[in-house]
Structures are given as structure tokens and as C-alpha cells.
Amino acid sequence: MKIIILGAGQVGSSVARNLASEANDITVVDQNADLLRKLGDSVDLRTVRGYAAHPEVLEQAGAEDADMILAVTNNDETNMVACQVAWTLFHTPTKIARVRALAFTRHPELFGRDALPVDVLISPEQLVTEYVTKIIEVPGTLQVLDFAGGRVRLVAVKAVKGGPLVGQELKTLYDHLPQAECRVAAIYRDGEAIQPKGFTVIEEGDEVFFVAARDQIVNVMSELRRLERPYRTVMICGGGNIGRRLARMLQHAYRVKLIEHHATRAAKLSEELENVIVLEGSGADESLLEEENIDTVDVFCAVTNDEEANILSAMLAKRLGARKVLALINRASYVDLVESGPIDIAISPQQATIGSLLTHVRKGDVVMVHSLRRGAAEAIEAVAHGDHRSSKVVNKTIDQIKLPKGASIAAIVRGDAVLIAHHDTRIQAEDHVIMFLVDKRRIRDVERLFQVSVTFL
């Protein structure tokens, strides 16, 4: 696929690296020559220096025969105008734009073929907000991802000492929970993926990804770790786009406090947010945190635009007694370093955004993609089309399907029913198949599985 990425910032660079590794034809456009040089030196792609919305720059980037435009510059207006130019002059089939301002996203009628020709709107701030909200909703999780409209969830948890399953073979999970349909999709131990088998022994510290119907999540988690009491109090450090959205989303279900160092913004937030206590100050101010009883806070979220400040304030909050601390981290190289210390969860806007973008890049009627393990793995929801003659999966049992190495089918959604996959489960036409792919380099093999042959009419 020929893809033009407009913007070589954190999101654009991360997406470019992910897509270039899958043998796509990638061109990146940016005005910053240094960013382009660094990216070009590390990734096999083309770069074009220039203003992303200018027709001649898009033409130089190859817009005449591009399959997709990803407009992810730091300017909403530039992204929207670039999509308009790409459609009007070059008839680019798919146009995706990052639009962060609520002033635009509140009015979906602005976008469409008869208005601004943006096919897909991406808001990293909204994606991160939803990502954090799910973690708060399910205490003890590292990641919570929805499929099939939320009926199926993929959950990552860390197995801890005292969990009934820790030290036991995986097959005992199903003995303990005969009524709970679930499937362990992957286990990561010391950063390495382990393909789960019935005889696999869960060890303390393992990162376990499992799939279950939404109402069975708590039952399965109880086997891997002691259940945590529900979260009630949340403190947010940073009143920017993410902090404001997060406070608004949580304010009616939790007791929320928000710390913002900028006086004018703090005053505006206090008027805008109904049930949030807004504090003017710094999240790294020890006396402020102590005055606000940080030791009684269930979740501390550091989501300012300064990742070093996020790391320091989260570490301080943890030392002062906060139960769970999260920090927004932009640099991928920081994530593993941060999570090996006192910070419980590092949040990467790039990874949250990449999954949403990949949904529109994947072939074979892939309807949902979640990027996992800093982009090394993927969870995929694909629809099975065709019949036994035209499809490689329809009317076949799981053990009859030639899955790529490291791929596993975890669940099937058939109508309103959620079926956890077993070796003799037979896939039917229009089933939504939830898959886990340990090695994303095998993604093309997975896509081919769900492509229907030309004989299907």
C-alpha cells in the first residue's frame, strides 16, 4: 500500500516505523529537515520537505497514485486542508486526519464527501482518555481493550504472589472456573512471549493477556491476582487536552481532583468542570500533595505535556502513598525503563493512536486493531466472509486453519453470542474472529487468511 504521512512528529514517526516494517511504500512530509533526516536514516522510506497542505508538496510526495493520506501534523487546520487538497486534486481514496480541538470534533457534520473530505478523524487525546478510563474501571489491569462493541475484552494483568493460578498449570484455570469462558492469548515473561499451552505454568511477575466476555473479566482476574477494591478517588496532574477530557469523563463516577500549574487555565477549568476540585500548583510539589491527602488517592494520573515532569510527579506520588500511579510517556525508549521502577503504568499516546490507524490500513476486512507491547504484537478483529470454497477459514475448525507462527484465535463473536475458541470450534460466515498475533511481521499472512478469493460472488 502506498501511504503518505504528513507530519514527522512523535505520532507520524511512530506510525511510519510501524507501517514501513510491513513492506508498505511510505513517504513522510514535514517542514523540519532534522526530523526527516533522523527518520530517513533509521527507516526505509522516502521523505519530502515542505508544507503538508501545499498541492505541489503533495504532488512531489506521490499523491497522484497514493492509496492513503495520514495527516498527523500538530496543526488541525493543516491536516483538514491537506485532506481537502488530496481529494480535490488527486482523488486520494482514504484520508485520515488528526483533529484534536473539540470545537471541530463536536460537529461531525463538518466532515464527509459533501463537506471536508476527511474519511476518518483521529484524536490521540480522546484515545488516551478512553484507554486510561478503562484501566480505572477495572482495577488491577495493565491494559483493557474492547472488541465487538465491548462484548469481548482483551485484558492484560500481572500475575502476583498469592493468586490461585500462580505456580499452577494453565489448564487448572478452566477447572477453577468451569462456568467462565475465557482464553489466555499470550504470556510475556521477562519481555519474551510464551505461547500458552495447557501445561504452561504461570509464574509470579508474568504479564498475562486473556480474552473473555465482558461480564467474566473479574472472575478470571481473581485467579491471577487478589482482586483490588474498586477505585474511588482519582488525582490528575495536568489540565491540558488529556487532563481536561479525563476529568470530564470521570467526574460523575469518581471523586476527582485536578492539579494545573497555569493560573488562568486552572480558573477556566474550575468553571468548566462540575464535580472536580481544581488546584493551582505543581504535581511535583510535595507539600501540596500531602495537603491533598495523596496517601488516600487510589489513582494518580500524570498527563502533562512534559514527560519528565510526569515521571517525577508520578514517582513522588507513589512514594507518598498513592495506590496506583500512571504517567504519560511519549518516548518509547522510556516506557520499559519507567515501568521497571515505581510507576505502575506508562501510557503511550503513540501506541493508542497507532492501533486506531492500523484498523484502516489492514486488509481482509479487519474491523479493529489494537497495538500491543510497544507495537511488537497486535490484537485483531476480522470478519470471516465467503464460503468453504472461497475462504480459508469459513466452515473450518480452528485446528484445520493454517495459522501463522505466533498467531492464535482467542474468541469468536457470532451475532450476540461470544464463543471462546477451542480446537474444534467451527468458523461460520460473518463471524467476528478475535486473534492475537505475537509477531506483527506475520500480519500479511493473517490478512491473506481473511481475504475472499475472486470466485466468491
Protein backbone atom coordinates (compact mmCIF):
# COMPACT_ATOMS: atom_id res chain seq x y z
CA MET A 1 0.00 0.00 0.00
CA LYS A 2 1.27 3.48 -0.88
CA ILE A 3 0.82 5.78 2.11
CA ILE A 4 1.75 9.45 2.59
CA ILE A 5 2.23 10.54 6.19
CA LEU A 6 2.03 14.28 6.81
CA GLY A 7 3.96 15.18 9.94
CA ALA A 8 7.18 13.65 11.30
CA GLY A 9 6.48 14.30 14.98
CA GLN A 10 6.00 11.65 17.65
CA VAL A 11 2.83 10.19 16.12
CA GLY A 12 3.91 10.47 12.48
CA SER A 13 7.33 8.92 13.14
CA SER A 14 5.87 6.06 15.20
CA VAL A 15 3.28 5.27 12.54
CA ALA A 16 5.91 5.45 9.79
CA ARG A 17 8.16 2.96 11.60
CA ASN A 18 5.26 0.57 12.15
CA LEU A 19 3.99 0.68 8.59
CA ALA A 20 7.40 0.67 6.89
CA SER A 21 8.28 -2.57 8.68
CA GLU A 22 5.35 -4.22 6.88
CA ALA A 23 6.66 -3.55 3.35
CA ASN A 24 4.39 -0.57 2.66
CA ASP A 25 5.56 2.24 0.36
CA ILE A 26 5.85 5.13 2.83
CA THR A 27 6.56 8.82 2.20
CA VAL A 28 6.78 11.28 5.09
CA VAL A 29 6.30 15.04 4.65
CA ASP A 30 7.44 17.65 7.16
CA GLN A 31 8.99 21.11 7.24
CA ASN A 32 11.66 20.07 9.76
CA ALA A 33 14.72 18.79 7.88
CA ASP A 34 16.33 17.38 11.03
CA LEU A 35 13.30 15.24 11.87
CA LEU A 36 13.16 13.92 8.30
CA ARG A 37 16.88 13.13 8.27
CA LYS A 38 16.72 11.20 11.54
CA LEU A 39 13.69 9.26 10.35
CA GLY A 40 15.19 8.54 6.94
CA ASP A 41 18.41 7.28 8.50
CA SER A 42 16.59 4.73 10.66
CA VAL A 43 13.68 3.60 8.44
CA ASP A 44 13.43 2.58 4.79
CA LEU A 45 11.12 5.31 3.44
CA ARG A 46 11.02 8.48 1.34
CA THR A 47 10.96 11.96 2.84
CA VAL A 48 9.79 15.26 1.36
CA ARG A 49 10.44 18.61 2.97
CA GLY A 50 7.63 21.13 2.66
CA TYR A 51 4.30 22.40 3.91
CA ALA A 52 1.92 19.44 4.19
CA ALA A 53 -1.17 21.15 2.69
CA HIS A 54 0.50 22.65 -0.40
CA PRO A 55 -0.54 20.97 -3.67
CA GLU A 56 2.99 20.88 -5.12
CA VAL A 57 4.35 19.24 -1.97
CA LEU A 58 1.65 16.55 -2.05
CA GLU A 59 2.33 16.00 -5.74
CA GLN A 60 6.06 15.62 -5.02
CA ALA A 61 5.19 13.08 -2.31
CA GLY A 62 3.30 10.97 -4.86
CA ALA A 63 -0.32 11.87 -4.09
CA GLU A 64 -1.38 11.11 -7.68
CA ASP A 65 -1.33 7.36 -7.01
CA ALA A 66 -1.35 7.20 -3.20
CA ASP A 67 -3.80 4.85 -1.51
CA MET A 68 -3.97 6.80 1.72
CA ILE A 69 -3.11 10.14 3.32
CA LEU A 70 -2.42 10.23 7.06
CA ALA A 71 -2.44 13.88 8.10
CA VAL A 72 -0.97 13.94 11.61
CA THR A 73 0.81 17.29 11.84
CA ASN A 74 0.47 19.31 15.04
CA ASN A 75 -2.00 21.67 13.39
CA ASP A 76 -5.66 20.63 12.99
CA GLU A 77 -6.34 23.13 10.23
CA THR A 78 -3.34 21.97 8.19
CA ASN A 79 -4.50 18.36 8.49
CA MET A 80 -8.02 19.17 7.33
CA VAL A 81 -6.89 21.34 4.41
CA ALA A 82 -4.39 18.67 3.32
CA CYS A 83 -7.23 16.14 3.10
CA GLN A 84 -9.27 18.61 1.05
CA VAL A 85 -6.38 19.19 -1.37
CA ALA A 86 -5.65 15.45 -1.64
CA TRP A 87 -9.28 14.71 -2.53
CA THR A 88 -9.93 17.67 -4.85
CA LEU A 89 -6.71 17.46 -6.87
CA PHE A 90 -5.65 13.82 -6.59
CA HIS A 91 -8.79 11.87 -5.58
CA THR A 92 -6.89 10.05 -2.84
CA PRO A 93 -9.21 7.19 -1.77
CA THR A 94 -8.64 7.25 2.01
CA LYS A 95 -7.94 10.38 4.03
CA ILE A 96 -7.28 10.25 7.78
CA ALA A 97 -6.71 13.39 9.82
CA ARG A 98 -5.64 14.03 13.39
CA VAL A 99 -8.07 16.60 14.78
CA ARG A 100 -7.67 17.45 18.45
CA ALA A 101 -9.85 20.51 19.02
CA LEU A 102 -13.27 19.75 20.47
CA ALA A 103 -14.56 22.77 18.55
CA PHE A 104 -14.26 20.62 15.39
CA THR A 105 -14.96 17.11 16.67
CA ARG A 106 -18.23 18.18 18.33
CA HIS A 107 -19.65 18.79 14.83
CA PRO A 108 -19.42 15.58 12.75
CA GLU A 109 -21.47 17.24 10.01
CA LEU A 110 -18.31 19.19 9.12
CA PHE A 111 -16.75 16.02 7.71
CA GLY A 112 -17.77 13.96 4.69
CA ARG A 113 -17.67 13.96 0.91
CA ASP A 114 -20.06 16.93 0.76
CA ALA A 115 -18.11 18.89 3.37
CA LEU A 116 -14.49 18.48 4.47
CA PRO A 117 -13.47 15.19 2.81
CA VAL A 118 -11.97 13.51 5.88
CA ASP A 119 -12.86 9.81 5.99
CA VAL A 120 -11.55 9.14 9.49
CA LEU A 121 -10.93 11.52 12.39
CA ILE A 122 -8.20 10.56 14.87
CA SER A 123 -7.88 12.25 18.25
CA PRO A 124 -4.91 10.90 20.26
CA GLU A 125 -6.15 12.79 23.31
CA GLN A 126 -9.54 11.09 23.17
CA LEU A 127 -7.96 7.67 22.55
CA VAL A 128 -5.66 8.10 25.56
CA THR A 129 -8.58 9.28 27.69
CA GLU A 130 -10.60 6.17 26.82
CA TYR A 131 -7.53 3.97 27.39
CA VAL A 132 -6.96 5.35 30.91
CA THR A 133 -10.66 5.26 31.78
CA LYS A 134 -10.85 1.52 31.07
CA ILE A 135 -7.84 0.85 33.29
CA ILE A 136 -9.52 2.78 36.10
CA GLU A 137 -12.81 0.93 35.55
CA VAL A 138 -11.11 -2.47 36.01
CA PRO A 139 -8.69 -2.21 39.00
CA GLY A 140 -5.52 -4.27 38.76
CA THR A 141 -5.26 -4.27 34.96
CA LEU A 142 -2.36 -3.09 32.82
CA GLN A 143 -4.45 -2.75 29.68
CA VAL A 144 -8.11 -3.21 28.75
CA LEU A 145 -9.12 -3.42 25.08
CA ASP A 146 -12.61 -3.82 23.64
CA PHE A 147 -13.78 -5.83 20.64
CA ALA A 148 -17.18 -6.41 19.05
CA GLY A 149 -18.69 -3.27 20.50
CA GLY A 150 -17.42 -4.01 24.00
CA ARG A 151 -18.88 -7.52 24.29
CA VAL A 152 -15.40 -9.06 24.31
CA ARG A 153 -12.42 -7.70 26.21
CA LEU A 154 -8.72 -8.42 26.00
CA VAL A 155 -7.19 -7.72 29.39
CA ALA A 156 -3.54 -7.66 30.47
CA VAL A 157 -2.73 -8.31 34.13
CA LYS A 158 0.42 -9.07 36.08
CA ALA A 159 0.30 -12.38 37.95
CA VAL A 160 1.21 -11.76 41.57
CA LYS A 161 2.12 -13.91 44.52
CA GLY A 162 -0.98 -15.25 46.21
CA GLY A 163 -3.04 -15.62 43.04
CA PRO A 164 -4.66 -19.10 42.92
CA LEU A 165 -3.24 -19.80 39.45
CA VAL A 166 0.34 -18.65 40.14
CA GLY A 167 2.61 -21.71 40.20
CA GLN A 168 -0.09 -23.84 38.58
CA GLU A 169 -0.51 -25.20 35.08
CA LEU A 170 -2.73 -23.08 32.87
CA LYS A 171 -5.25 -25.86 32.36
CA THR A 172 -6.25 -25.58 36.03
CA LEU A 173 -7.78 -22.18 35.23
CA TYR A 174 -10.61 -23.91 33.43
CA ASP A 175 -11.06 -26.35 36.32
CA HIS A 176 -11.37 -23.43 38.76
CA LEU A 177 -13.78 -21.54 36.52
CA PRO A 178 -15.96 -24.14 34.80
CA GLN A 179 -18.69 -21.58 34.09
CA ALA A 180 -16.37 -18.79 32.90
CA GLU A 181 -15.47 -18.97 29.25
CA CYS A 182 -12.02 -17.43 28.74
CA ARG A 183 -8.83 -17.93 26.80
CA VAL A 184 -5.27 -16.96 27.67
CA ALA A 185 -3.99 -15.43 24.43
CA ALA A 186 -0.37 -14.76 25.38
CA ILE A 187 2.06 -14.68 28.28
CA TYR A 188 5.08 -12.39 28.48
CA ARG A 189 7.88 -13.35 30.85
CA ASP A 190 10.92 -11.08 31.16
CA GLY A 191 9.79 -9.35 27.97
CA GLU A 192 9.67 -12.57 25.93
CA ALA A 193 6.47 -14.04 24.52
CA ILE A 194 5.41 -17.53 25.60
CA GLN A 195 2.82 -19.40 23.54
CA PRO A 196 0.35 -20.59 26.21
CA LYS A 197 -0.35 -24.32 26.42
CA GLY A 198 -2.37 -26.32 28.93
CA PHE A 199 0.82 -27.38 30.71
CA THR A 200 2.30 -23.85 30.84
CA VAL A 201 2.97 -22.82 34.45
CA ILE A 202 2.06 -19.24 35.38
CA GLU A 203 4.88 -17.57 37.33
CA GLU A 204 4.86 -14.55 39.59
CA GLY A 205 5.51 -11.42 37.52
CA ASP A 206 4.16 -12.87 34.26
CA GLU A 207 2.19 -10.44 32.11
CA VAL A 208 -0.89 -12.42 31.08
CA PHE A 209 -3.21 -11.42 28.22
CA PHE A 210 -6.59 -13.11 28.34
CA VAL A 211 -9.82 -12.80 26.38
CA ALA A 212 -13.27 -13.18 27.91
CA ALA A 213 -16.79 -11.91 27.64
CA ARG A 214 -17.09 -8.58 29.41
CA ASP A 215 -19.06 -9.96 32.37
CA GLN A 216 -16.45 -12.65 33.07
CA ILE A 217 -13.40 -10.39 33.40
CA VAL A 218 -13.46 -10.10 37.20
CA ASN A 219 -13.82 -13.88 37.67
CA VAL A 220 -10.77 -14.60 35.53
CA MET A 221 -8.69 -11.87 37.15
CA SER A 222 -9.35 -13.36 40.58
CA GLU A 223 -7.39 -16.44 39.54
CA LEU A 224 -4.31 -14.42 38.60
CA ARG A 225 -4.17 -11.96 41.46
CA ARG A 226 -6.07 -10.86 44.51
CA LEU A 227 -8.89 -8.62 43.40
CA GLU A 228 -8.32 -4.96 44.18
CA ARG A 229 -11.07 -2.94 45.74
CA PRO A 230 -12.77 -0.54 43.32
CA TYR A 231 -11.10 2.81 42.74
CA ARG A 232 -12.95 5.80 44.18
CA THR A 233 -10.52 8.74 44.21
CA VAL A 234 -8.52 10.00 41.23
CA MET A 235 -5.96 12.81 41.12
CA ILE A 236 -4.98 14.19 37.71
CA CYS A 237 -1.80 16.19 37.20
CA GLY A 238 -2.15 18.41 34.13
CA GLY A 239 -5.15 20.33 32.81
CA GLY A 240 -4.34 20.18 29.10
CA ASN A 241 -6.34 18.37 26.43
CA ILE A 242 -5.97 14.94 28.01
CA GLY A 243 -6.32 16.01 31.65
CA ARG A 244 -9.44 18.05 30.92
CA ARG A 245 -11.08 15.23 28.93
CA LEU A 246 -10.17 12.66 31.58
CA ALA A 247 -11.59 14.79 34.39
CA ARG A 248 -14.81 15.37 32.45
CA MET A 249 -15.22 11.65 31.75
CA LEU A 250 -14.56 10.56 35.36
CA GLN A 251 -16.19 13.37 37.34
CA HIS A 252 -19.59 11.74 37.87
CA ALA A 253 -18.31 8.28 38.88
CA TYR A 254 -15.25 9.17 41.00
CA ARG A 255 -14.01 11.84 43.39
CA VAL A 256 -11.65 13.77 41.13
CA LYS A 257 -9.01 16.39 41.88
CA LEU A 258 -7.04 18.10 39.11
CA ILE A 259 -3.73 19.95 39.54
CA GLU A 260 -2.88 22.66 36.97
CA HIS A 261 0.12 25.00 37.34
CA HIS A 262 -1.15 27.71 34.96
CA ALA A 263 -3.42 30.10 36.90
CA THR A 264 -5.63 31.20 34.00
CA ARG A 265 -6.21 27.66 32.80
CA ALA A 266 -6.90 26.44 36.35
CA ALA A 267 -9.56 29.13 36.77
CA LYS A 268 -11.18 28.20 33.47
CA LEU A 269 -11.19 24.51 34.35
CA SER A 270 -12.80 25.18 37.73
CA GLU A 271 -15.71 26.86 35.90
CA GLU A 272 -15.95 24.23 33.19
CA LEU A 273 -15.81 21.04 35.30
CA GLU A 274 -18.84 20.48 37.51
CA ASN A 275 -17.72 17.91 40.08
CA VAL A 276 -13.93 18.34 40.05
CA ILE A 277 -11.77 20.10 42.63
CA VAL A 278 -9.23 22.13 40.62
CA LEU A 279 -5.97 23.03 42.38
CA GLU A 280 -3.48 25.59 41.12
CA GLY A 281 0.04 24.25 41.62
CA SER A 282 2.60 21.65 40.59
CA GLY A 283 2.22 17.88 40.69
CA ALA A 284 5.83 17.74 41.90
CA ASP A 285 5.06 19.92 44.95
CA GLU A 286 5.39 17.51 47.87
CA SER A 287 3.63 19.80 50.36
CA LEU A 288 0.66 20.26 48.00
CA LEU A 289 0.29 16.51 47.52
CA GLU A 290 0.45 15.91 51.26
CA GLU A 291 -2.10 18.66 51.94
CA GLU A 292 -4.46 16.99 49.47
CA ASN A 293 -4.04 13.59 51.19
CA ILE A 294 -2.17 11.85 48.40
CA ASP A 295 -1.90 8.75 50.61
CA THR A 296 -5.68 8.25 50.23
CA VAL A 297 -5.69 8.61 46.43
CA ASP A 298 -6.48 5.42 44.52
CA VAL A 299 -5.16 6.55 41.11
CA PHE A 300 -2.69 9.34 40.30
CA CYS A 301 -2.51 10.22 36.59
CA ALA A 302 0.36 12.45 35.40
CA VAL A 303 -0.71 13.66 31.93
CA THR A 304 1.06 16.98 31.35
CA ASN A 305 2.88 17.76 28.08
CA ASP A 306 6.23 17.31 29.86
CA GLU A 307 7.07 13.62 30.17
CA GLU A 308 9.96 14.23 32.58
CA ALA A 309 7.58 16.14 34.85
CA ASN A 310 5.10 13.26 34.54
CA ILE A 311 7.73 10.73 35.59
CA LEU A 312 8.91 12.75 38.58
CA SER A 313 5.43 13.64 39.86
CA ALA A 314 4.22 10.03 39.49
CA MET A 315 7.26 8.72 41.36
CA LEU A 316 6.71 11.27 44.11
CA ALA A 317 3.00 10.42 44.38
CA LYS A 318 3.87 6.73 44.69
CA ARG A 319 6.43 7.40 47.41
CA LEU A 320 3.88 9.48 49.32
CA GLY A 321 1.35 6.65 49.30
CA ALA A 322 -0.78 6.84 46.13
CA ARG A 323 -2.15 3.35 45.43
CA LYS A 324 -1.68 3.30 41.63
CA VAL A 325 0.28 5.79 39.52
CA LEU A 326 0.17 6.32 35.74
CA ALA A 327 2.43 8.55 33.67
CA LEU A 328 2.06 9.79 30.10
CA ILE A 329 5.28 8.95 28.22
CA ASN A 330 5.99 9.98 24.62
CA ARG A 331 9.37 8.36 24.07
CA ALA A 332 9.17 4.62 23.51
CA SER A 333 12.66 4.17 24.97
CA TYR A 334 11.37 5.46 28.33
CA VAL A 335 8.45 3.07 28.67
CA ASP A 336 10.26 -0.09 29.79
CA LEU A 337 12.61 1.97 31.96
CA VAL A 338 9.70 3.67 33.71
CA GLU A 339 7.62 0.52 34.27
CA SER A 340 10.60 -1.29 35.83
CA GLY A 341 10.51 1.28 38.66
CA PRO A 342 7.79 2.56 41.00
CA ILE A 343 5.47 3.75 38.23
CA ASP A 344 2.74 1.18 37.64
CA ILE A 345 1.69 2.01 34.08
CA ALA A 346 3.33 4.10 31.35
CA ILE A 347 0.80 5.46 28.86
CA SER A 348 1.97 5.89 25.26
CA PRO A 349 -0.20 8.17 23.08
CA GLN A 350 1.58 6.83 20.02
CA GLN A 351 0.59 3.22 20.67
CA ALA A 352 -3.02 4.18 21.37
CA THR A 353 -3.11 6.12 18.10
CA ILE A 354 -1.31 3.51 16.00
CA GLY A 355 -3.89 0.84 16.78
CA SER A 356 -6.68 3.10 15.55
CA LEU A 357 -4.77 3.95 12.38
CA LEU A 358 -3.86 0.33 11.64
CA THR A 359 -7.53 -0.59 11.55
CA HIS A 360 -7.79 1.39 8.31
CA VAL A 361 -4.57 0.02 6.83
CA ARG A 362 -5.19 -3.68 7.36
CA LYS A 363 -6.70 -5.75 4.54
CA GLY A 364 -9.08 -8.69 4.58
CA ASP A 365 -11.97 -6.87 6.30
CA VAL A 366 -10.14 -6.22 9.54
CA VAL A 367 -12.51 -4.08 11.64
CA MET A 368 -10.42 -3.50 14.78
CA VAL A 369 -6.71 -3.45 15.58
CA HIS A 370 -5.02 -2.85 18.91
CA SER A 371 -1.26 -2.38 19.03
CA LEU A 372 0.37 -4.19 21.97
CA ARG A 373 3.77 -4.45 23.59
CA ARG A 374 5.03 -1.17 22.10
CA GLY A 375 3.97 -2.25 18.62
CA ALA A 376 5.59 -5.71 18.64
CA ALA A 377 2.26 -7.56 18.90
CA GLU A 378 -1.29 -6.97 17.73
CA ALA A 379 -4.80 -7.99 18.67
CA ILE A 380 -7.07 -8.11 15.64
CA GLU A 381 -10.79 -8.43 14.98
CA ALA A 382 -11.52 -9.71 11.47
CA VAL A 383 -14.76 -10.71 9.77
CA ALA A 384 -14.94 -14.08 8.00
CA HIS A 385 -16.60 -13.76 4.58
CA GLY A 386 -17.30 -16.20 1.78
CA ASP A 387 -17.95 -19.93 1.89
CA HIS A 388 -15.90 -23.13 2.18
CA ARG A 389 -14.72 -22.79 -1.44
CA SER A 390 -13.68 -19.13 -1.44
CA SER A 391 -12.45 -18.69 2.14
CA LYS A 392 -9.51 -20.18 4.01
CA VAL A 393 -11.37 -20.04 7.33
CA VAL A 394 -15.14 -20.37 6.75
CA ASN A 395 -16.58 -23.78 7.68
CA LYS A 396 -13.23 -24.89 9.11
CA THR A 397 -12.44 -25.79 12.70
CA ILE A 398 -9.67 -23.91 14.49
CA ASP A 399 -7.25 -26.83 14.25
CA GLN A 400 -7.86 -27.03 10.46
CA ILE A 401 -6.78 -23.43 9.87
CA LYS A 402 -3.12 -22.89 8.99
CA LEU A 403 -2.36 -20.03 11.33
CA PRO A 404 0.96 -18.17 11.02
CA LYS A 405 3.53 -18.89 13.70
CA GLY A 406 2.73 -16.97 16.88
CA ALA A 407 -0.91 -16.36 15.91
CA SER A 408 -3.86 -17.69 17.87
CA ILE A 409 -7.62 -17.37 17.64
CA ALA A 410 -8.97 -16.44 21.05
CA ALA A 411 -12.69 -15.79 20.59
CA ILE A 412 -15.49 -15.64 18.03
CA VAL A 413 -18.47 -13.30 18.12
CA ARG A 414 -21.48 -14.74 16.29
CA GLY A 415 -24.44 -12.43 16.36
CA ASP A 416 -24.96 -11.67 20.05
CA ALA A 417 -23.09 -14.77 21.23
CA VAL A 418 -19.48 -14.76 22.43
CA LEU A 419 -17.71 -18.08 21.80
CA ILE A 420 -14.29 -18.75 23.32
CA ALA A 421 -12.25 -20.60 20.70
CA HIS A 422 -11.41 -24.28 21.15
CA HIS A 423 -9.64 -26.59 18.71
CA ASP A 424 -12.96 -27.96 17.39
CA THR A 425 -14.79 -24.62 17.14
CA ARG A 426 -16.02 -24.15 13.57
CA ILE A 427 -15.97 -20.68 11.99
CA GLN A 428 -19.06 -19.59 10.08
CA ALA A 429 -19.55 -16.84 7.52
CA GLU A 430 -19.85 -13.35 9.08
CA ASP A 431 -18.25 -14.44 12.35
CA HIS A 432 -16.08 -11.80 14.01
CA VAL A 433 -12.80 -13.55 14.83
CA ILE A 434 -10.61 -12.16 17.63
CA MET A 435 -6.94 -13.02 17.12
CA PHE A 436 -3.70 -12.39 18.98
CA LEU A 437 -0.51 -12.04 16.94
CA VAL A 438 2.72 -12.23 18.93
CA ASP A 439 4.90 -11.26 15.95
CA LYS A 440 3.34 -8.48 13.87
CA ARG A 441 5.71 -9.31 10.99
CA ARG A 442 3.27 -12.13 10.22
CA ILE A 443 0.40 -9.71 9.69
CA ARG A 444 0.32 -10.19 5.91
CA ASP A 445 -0.26 -13.93 6.41
CA VAL A 446 -3.18 -13.16 8.72
CA GLU A 447 -4.67 -10.70 6.23
CA ARG A 448 -4.49 -13.31 3.46
CA LEU A 449 -6.40 -15.77 5.64
CA PHE A 450 -9.41 -13.46 5.68
CA GLN A 451 -9.33 -12.38 2.04
CA VAL A 452 -12.01 -13.95 -0.14
CA SER A 453 -10.99 -15.44 -3.46
CA VAL A 454 -12.28 -13.92 -6.72
CA THR A 455 -14.56 -16.96 -7.26
CA PHE A 456 -16.86 -15.75 -4.47
CA LEU A 457 -19.90 -13.88 -5.78
